[in-house]
N, C-alpha and C. Protein backbone atom coordinates (compact mmCIF):
# COMPACT_ATOMS: atom_id res chain seq x y z
N MET A 1 134.32 -85.03 158.83
CA MET A 1 133.30 -85.31 157.97
C MET A 1 133.01 -84.39 156.57
N LYS A 2 133.12 -84.81 155.40
CA LYS A 2 133.06 -83.66 154.21
C LYS A 2 132.12 -82.50 154.19
N PHE A 3 132.43 -81.75 153.79
CA PHE A 3 131.75 -80.75 153.64
C PHE A 3 130.58 -80.78 152.87
N SER A 4 130.34 -81.48 152.43
CA SER A 4 129.10 -81.51 151.18
C SER A 4 128.06 -82.65 152.33
N GLU A 5 128.86 -83.14 153.14
CA GLU A 5 127.65 -83.91 154.28
C GLU A 5 126.96 -82.74 155.28
N LYS A 6 128.16 -82.23 155.52
CA LYS A 6 127.40 -81.13 156.66
C LYS A 6 126.74 -79.90 156.03
N TRP A 7 126.96 -79.83 155.05
CA TRP A 7 125.89 -78.09 153.74
C TRP A 7 124.57 -79.28 153.55
N GLN A 8 124.46 -81.03 153.14
CA GLN A 8 123.61 -81.76 153.13
C GLN A 8 122.30 -81.67 154.39
N ALA A 9 123.28 -81.73 156.21
CA ALA A 9 122.44 -81.81 156.39
C ALA A 9 122.05 -80.95 157.00
N ALA A 10 122.51 -79.50 156.93
CA ALA A 10 122.13 -78.23 157.11
C ALA A 10 121.06 -77.77 156.22
N PHE A 11 120.98 -78.10 155.07
CA PHE A 11 119.91 -78.06 154.09
C PHE A 11 118.84 -78.49 154.16
N ASP A 12 119.09 -80.02 154.49
CA ASP A 12 117.89 -80.68 154.62
C ASP A 12 117.13 -80.50 155.80
N ASN A 13 117.41 -79.83 157.05
CA ASN A 13 117.13 -80.02 158.18
C ASN A 13 116.88 -78.18 158.49
N ARG A 14 116.88 -77.23 157.85
CA ARG A 14 116.38 -75.74 157.71
C ARG A 14 117.97 -75.62 158.78
N ASP A 15 118.78 -76.06 159.10
CA ASP A 15 118.81 -75.27 160.04
C ASP A 15 120.29 -74.32 160.50
N ALA A 16 119.81 -73.36 161.10
CA ALA A 16 120.03 -71.66 160.81
C ALA A 16 121.87 -71.66 161.53
N ASN A 17 121.53 -72.46 162.45
CA ASN A 17 123.30 -72.75 163.29
C ASN A 17 123.85 -73.39 162.71
N ALA A 18 123.71 -74.20 162.15
CA ALA A 18 124.76 -75.41 161.07
C ALA A 18 125.09 -74.51 160.09
N PHE A 19 124.19 -73.95 159.52
CA PHE A 19 124.65 -73.32 158.32
C PHE A 19 125.32 -72.16 158.81
N ASN A 20 125.28 -71.44 160.04
CA ASN A 20 126.32 -70.17 160.23
C ASN A 20 127.59 -71.04 160.98
N ASP A 21 127.29 -72.21 161.32
CA ASP A 21 129.32 -72.81 161.70
C ASP A 21 129.62 -73.19 160.36
N ILE A 22 128.94 -73.49 158.89
CA ILE A 22 129.75 -73.41 158.10
C ILE A 22 130.14 -72.70 156.91
N ILE A 23 129.54 -71.36 157.20
CA ILE A 23 129.50 -70.42 156.09
C ILE A 23 130.78 -69.09 156.48
N ASP A 24 131.36 -69.06 156.12
CA ASP A 24 132.33 -67.77 156.13
C ASP A 24 131.68 -66.41 156.40
N ASP A 25 132.07 -65.75 157.19
CA ASP A 25 131.39 -64.12 157.40
C ASP A 25 131.54 -63.39 156.55
N ASP A 26 132.83 -63.73 155.43
CA ASP A 26 132.83 -62.86 154.13
C ASP A 26 131.82 -63.51 153.10
N PHE A 27 130.79 -64.74 153.28
CA PHE A 27 130.47 -65.73 152.30
C PHE A 27 130.39 -64.22 150.76
N GLU A 28 129.98 -64.66 150.01
CA GLU A 28 129.47 -64.20 148.37
C GLU A 28 129.03 -65.45 147.41
N PHE A 29 127.37 -65.20 147.47
CA PHE A 29 126.74 -65.73 146.67
C PHE A 29 126.32 -64.85 145.53
N VAL A 30 127.04 -65.24 143.95
CA VAL A 30 126.95 -64.48 143.16
C VAL A 30 125.66 -64.81 142.35
N ARG A 31 124.97 -63.96 142.28
CA ARG A 31 123.25 -63.74 141.07
C ARG A 31 124.02 -63.72 139.89
N HIS A 32 124.05 -64.06 138.82
CA HIS A 32 124.96 -63.56 137.42
C HIS A 32 123.39 -63.10 136.84
N LEU A 33 122.62 -63.66 137.05
CA LEU A 33 121.16 -62.89 135.97
C LEU A 33 121.65 -61.50 136.08
N SER A 34 121.18 -61.48 137.73
CA SER A 34 120.88 -59.97 137.98
C SER A 34 121.79 -59.56 138.24
N GLY A 35 123.02 -59.90 138.76
CA GLY A 35 124.13 -58.84 139.05
C GLY A 35 124.55 -58.76 140.16
N ASN A 36 123.45 -59.21 140.55
CA ASN A 36 123.77 -58.84 142.48
C ASN A 36 124.43 -60.25 143.66
N ALA A 37 124.60 -59.91 144.84
CA ALA A 37 125.41 -60.75 145.29
C ALA A 37 124.56 -60.87 146.84
N LEU A 38 124.24 -62.15 147.37
CA LEU A 38 123.61 -62.36 148.61
C LEU A 38 124.90 -62.58 149.47
N SER A 39 124.75 -62.27 150.49
CA SER A 39 125.40 -62.04 151.88
C SER A 39 125.18 -63.59 152.68
N LYS A 40 125.92 -63.84 153.53
CA LYS A 40 125.90 -64.86 154.54
C LYS A 40 124.41 -64.86 155.38
N GLU A 41 124.14 -63.98 155.89
CA GLU A 41 123.06 -63.51 156.68
C GLU A 41 121.58 -63.73 155.19
N ASP A 42 121.62 -63.38 153.97
CA ASP A 42 120.81 -63.31 153.16
C ASP A 42 120.28 -64.96 152.66
N ILE A 43 121.51 -65.66 152.50
CA ILE A 43 121.48 -66.74 152.14
C ILE A 43 121.11 -67.89 152.73
N ILE A 44 121.12 -67.85 154.47
CA ILE A 44 120.73 -68.28 155.37
C ILE A 44 119.20 -68.01 155.53
N GLY A 45 119.13 -66.99 155.73
CA GLY A 45 117.71 -66.63 155.46
C GLY A 45 116.72 -67.60 154.29
N ILE A 46 117.34 -67.50 153.34
CA ILE A 46 116.53 -68.69 152.13
C ILE A 46 116.14 -69.79 152.16
N TRP A 47 117.74 -70.45 153.09
CA TRP A 47 117.33 -71.60 152.94
C TRP A 47 117.16 -71.91 154.25
N THR A 48 117.08 -71.48 155.15
CA THR A 48 116.11 -72.30 156.01
C THR A 48 114.82 -71.61 156.64
N LYS A 49 113.90 -70.85 155.61
CA LYS A 49 112.64 -69.84 155.92
C LYS A 49 111.90 -71.51 155.69
N ASP A 50 110.53 -70.92 156.32
CA ASP A 50 109.48 -72.17 156.44
C ASP A 50 108.65 -72.00 155.30
N GLY A 51 108.00 -72.83 154.94
CA GLY A 51 106.89 -73.30 153.90
C GLY A 51 107.53 -73.56 152.64
N PRO A 52 107.01 -73.36 151.54
CA PRO A 52 107.34 -74.47 150.17
C PRO A 52 108.79 -74.03 150.10
N ARG A 53 109.85 -74.88 149.11
CA ARG A 53 110.74 -74.27 148.73
C ARG A 53 111.22 -75.05 146.96
N PRO A 54 111.73 -74.42 146.89
CA PRO A 54 112.72 -75.58 146.05
C PRO A 54 112.63 -77.08 146.01
N GLU A 55 112.34 -78.00 145.25
CA GLU A 55 112.71 -79.22 145.29
C GLU A 55 114.15 -79.50 144.72
N ARG A 56 114.84 -80.09 145.26
CA ARG A 56 116.29 -80.62 144.78
C ARG A 56 116.14 -82.04 144.06
N ARG A 57 116.06 -82.59 143.40
CA ARG A 57 115.92 -83.91 142.36
C ARG A 57 117.37 -84.64 141.92
N ASP A 58 117.91 -85.38 142.20
CA ASP A 58 118.83 -86.06 140.79
C ASP A 58 120.43 -85.77 141.75
N TYR A 59 120.48 -84.98 142.88
CA TYR A 59 121.41 -84.51 143.45
C TYR A 59 122.78 -85.14 143.58
N ARG A 60 123.85 -84.59 143.11
CA ARG A 60 125.13 -85.63 142.99
C ARG A 60 126.18 -84.84 143.23
N ILE A 61 127.46 -85.08 143.40
CA ILE A 61 128.30 -84.36 143.99
C ILE A 61 129.58 -84.52 142.42
N VAL A 62 129.63 -83.59 141.91
CA VAL A 62 131.03 -83.92 140.27
C VAL A 62 132.08 -83.84 140.87
N TYR A 63 132.31 -82.84 141.59
CA TYR A 63 133.59 -82.87 142.53
C TYR A 63 134.55 -82.54 143.89
N GLU A 64 134.74 -83.23 144.92
CA GLU A 64 134.87 -82.22 146.14
C GLU A 64 136.09 -82.50 146.41
N ASN A 65 136.83 -81.51 147.22
CA ASN A 65 138.27 -81.47 148.04
C ASN A 65 138.01 -80.33 148.88
N ASP A 66 139.04 -79.94 149.60
CA ASP A 66 139.19 -79.18 150.38
C ASP A 66 138.93 -77.81 150.15
N ASP A 67 139.61 -77.55 148.68
CA ASP A 67 139.40 -76.17 148.21
C ASP A 67 137.52 -75.65 147.49
N ILE A 68 136.89 -76.58 147.03
CA ILE A 68 136.13 -76.87 145.93
C ILE A 68 134.88 -77.80 146.05
N LEU A 69 133.70 -77.57 145.77
CA LEU A 69 132.66 -78.53 146.07
C LEU A 69 131.71 -78.12 144.75
N VAL A 70 131.45 -78.58 143.47
CA VAL A 70 130.76 -78.90 142.55
C VAL A 70 129.90 -79.76 142.58
N SER A 71 128.81 -79.03 142.51
CA SER A 71 127.61 -80.49 142.35
C SER A 71 126.70 -80.30 141.14
N HIS A 72 125.79 -81.05 140.95
CA HIS A 72 124.45 -80.39 140.09
C HIS A 72 123.39 -81.14 140.60
N GLN A 73 122.13 -80.83 140.03
CA GLN A 73 120.97 -81.12 140.53
C GLN A 73 119.82 -80.54 139.68
N PHE A 74 118.76 -80.88 139.74
CA PHE A 74 117.66 -80.75 139.07
C PHE A 74 116.94 -80.20 139.84
N ILE A 75 116.14 -78.75 139.81
CA ILE A 75 115.50 -77.97 140.59
C ILE A 75 113.87 -77.18 140.24
N HIS A 76 112.94 -78.23 141.05
CA HIS A 76 112.02 -78.14 140.67
C HIS A 76 111.11 -76.59 141.67
N PHE A 77 110.52 -75.61 140.89
CA PHE A 77 110.47 -74.93 141.63
C PHE A 77 108.41 -74.90 141.86
N PRO A 78 107.79 -74.18 143.10
CA PRO A 78 106.77 -74.23 143.57
C PRO A 78 105.48 -73.87 142.57
N ASN A 79 105.67 -73.09 141.22
CA ASN A 79 105.44 -72.78 140.65
C ASN A 79 105.57 -73.73 139.16
N GLY A 80 106.09 -75.08 138.81
CA GLY A 80 105.78 -75.83 138.02
C GLY A 80 107.27 -75.47 137.15
N SER A 81 107.97 -74.85 137.11
CA SER A 81 109.27 -74.74 136.51
C SER A 81 110.35 -75.17 137.00
N ALA A 82 111.18 -75.64 136.17
CA ALA A 82 112.32 -76.36 136.56
C ALA A 82 113.58 -75.85 136.13
N GLU A 83 114.77 -76.40 136.53
CA GLU A 83 115.71 -76.05 135.96
C GLU A 83 116.94 -76.85 136.34
N SER A 84 117.63 -77.06 135.22
CA SER A 84 118.97 -77.80 135.32
C SER A 84 120.08 -76.91 136.18
N VAL A 85 120.79 -77.26 137.27
CA VAL A 85 121.48 -76.22 137.63
C VAL A 85 122.61 -77.00 138.47
N ILE A 86 124.20 -76.65 137.86
CA ILE A 86 125.29 -76.34 138.69
C ILE A 86 125.73 -75.66 139.54
N VAL A 87 126.62 -76.12 140.59
CA VAL A 87 126.88 -75.37 142.37
C VAL A 87 128.36 -75.52 142.21
N VAL A 88 129.15 -74.17 141.86
CA VAL A 88 130.36 -74.23 142.42
C VAL A 88 130.59 -73.51 144.04
N MET A 89 131.34 -74.36 145.14
CA MET A 89 131.24 -73.79 146.24
C MET A 89 132.55 -73.83 146.70
N LEU A 90 133.27 -72.44 146.72
CA LEU A 90 134.63 -72.52 146.75
C LEU A 90 134.77 -72.17 148.53
N LEU A 91 135.80 -73.36 148.94
CA LEU A 91 135.91 -73.54 150.77
C LEU A 91 136.73 -72.63 151.20
N LYS A 92 137.03 -72.31 152.19
CA LYS A 92 138.36 -71.26 152.88
C LYS A 92 137.94 -72.48 153.86
N ASN A 93 139.43 -72.57 154.66
CA ASN A 93 139.10 -72.78 155.99
C ASN A 93 138.06 -74.18 156.44
N GLY A 94 137.69 -74.99 155.67
CA GLY A 94 136.67 -75.71 156.21
C GLY A 94 135.59 -74.93 156.11
N LYS A 95 134.86 -73.52 155.46
CA LYS A 95 133.91 -72.81 155.40
C LYS A 95 133.63 -72.67 153.98
N LEU A 96 132.19 -72.76 153.50
CA LEU A 96 131.97 -71.95 152.16
C LEU A 96 132.16 -70.38 152.22
N ALA A 97 132.75 -69.85 151.07
CA ALA A 97 133.37 -69.01 150.99
C ALA A 97 132.92 -68.12 149.93
N ARG A 98 132.15 -68.47 149.09
CA ARG A 98 131.82 -68.28 147.67
C ARG A 98 130.86 -69.55 147.15
N MET A 99 129.90 -68.70 146.59
CA MET A 99 129.13 -69.95 145.62
C MET A 99 128.47 -69.32 144.61
N GLU A 100 128.60 -69.51 143.40
CA GLU A 100 128.09 -69.45 142.10
C GLU A 100 127.26 -70.64 141.55
N THR A 101 126.02 -70.20 140.85
CA THR A 101 125.57 -71.12 139.80
C THR A 101 125.21 -71.48 138.17
N GLY A 102 125.46 -71.94 137.29
CA GLY A 102 124.71 -72.16 136.63
C GLY A 102 123.06 -72.67 136.18
N ALA A 103 122.50 -71.89 135.74
CA ALA A 103 120.75 -72.91 135.34
C ALA A 103 120.50 -73.02 133.99
N THR A 104 120.07 -73.92 133.53
CA THR A 104 119.49 -73.66 132.54
C THR A 104 117.98 -74.57 132.51
N PRO A 105 117.28 -73.99 131.94
CA PRO A 105 115.76 -74.09 132.44
C PRO A 105 114.91 -75.39 131.32
N MET A 106 114.78 -75.86 131.82
CA MET A 106 114.48 -77.16 131.45
C MET A 106 112.49 -77.45 131.19
N PRO A 107 112.11 -78.35 130.22
CA PRO A 107 111.09 -77.96 129.93
C PRO A 107 110.12 -78.71 130.57
N THR A 108 108.90 -78.07 130.64
CA THR A 108 107.98 -78.48 131.98
C THR A 108 106.91 -79.53 131.53
């Protein structure tokens, strides 16, 4: 099974155990706007929490191999704002090792 399929299933089901299996222990999510980085535990908490969360629309894989996954989607937030987001996931031994995003605000 491709990494993208495993990630999509974990995300859709808010499955903390599945995320734990596919994310490297040294994972880092770089937030360029704030300069902060999130850990594996941080990101699993965000992706699996109950309640409203941003809605992904028009999700597509731009490129995927054993080392990298690049995707694009439109994110619509509960507050009504939206962004066009490109996501780069660096993979190591079949697990997500690093993630970076680039976002452009969209008109509402």
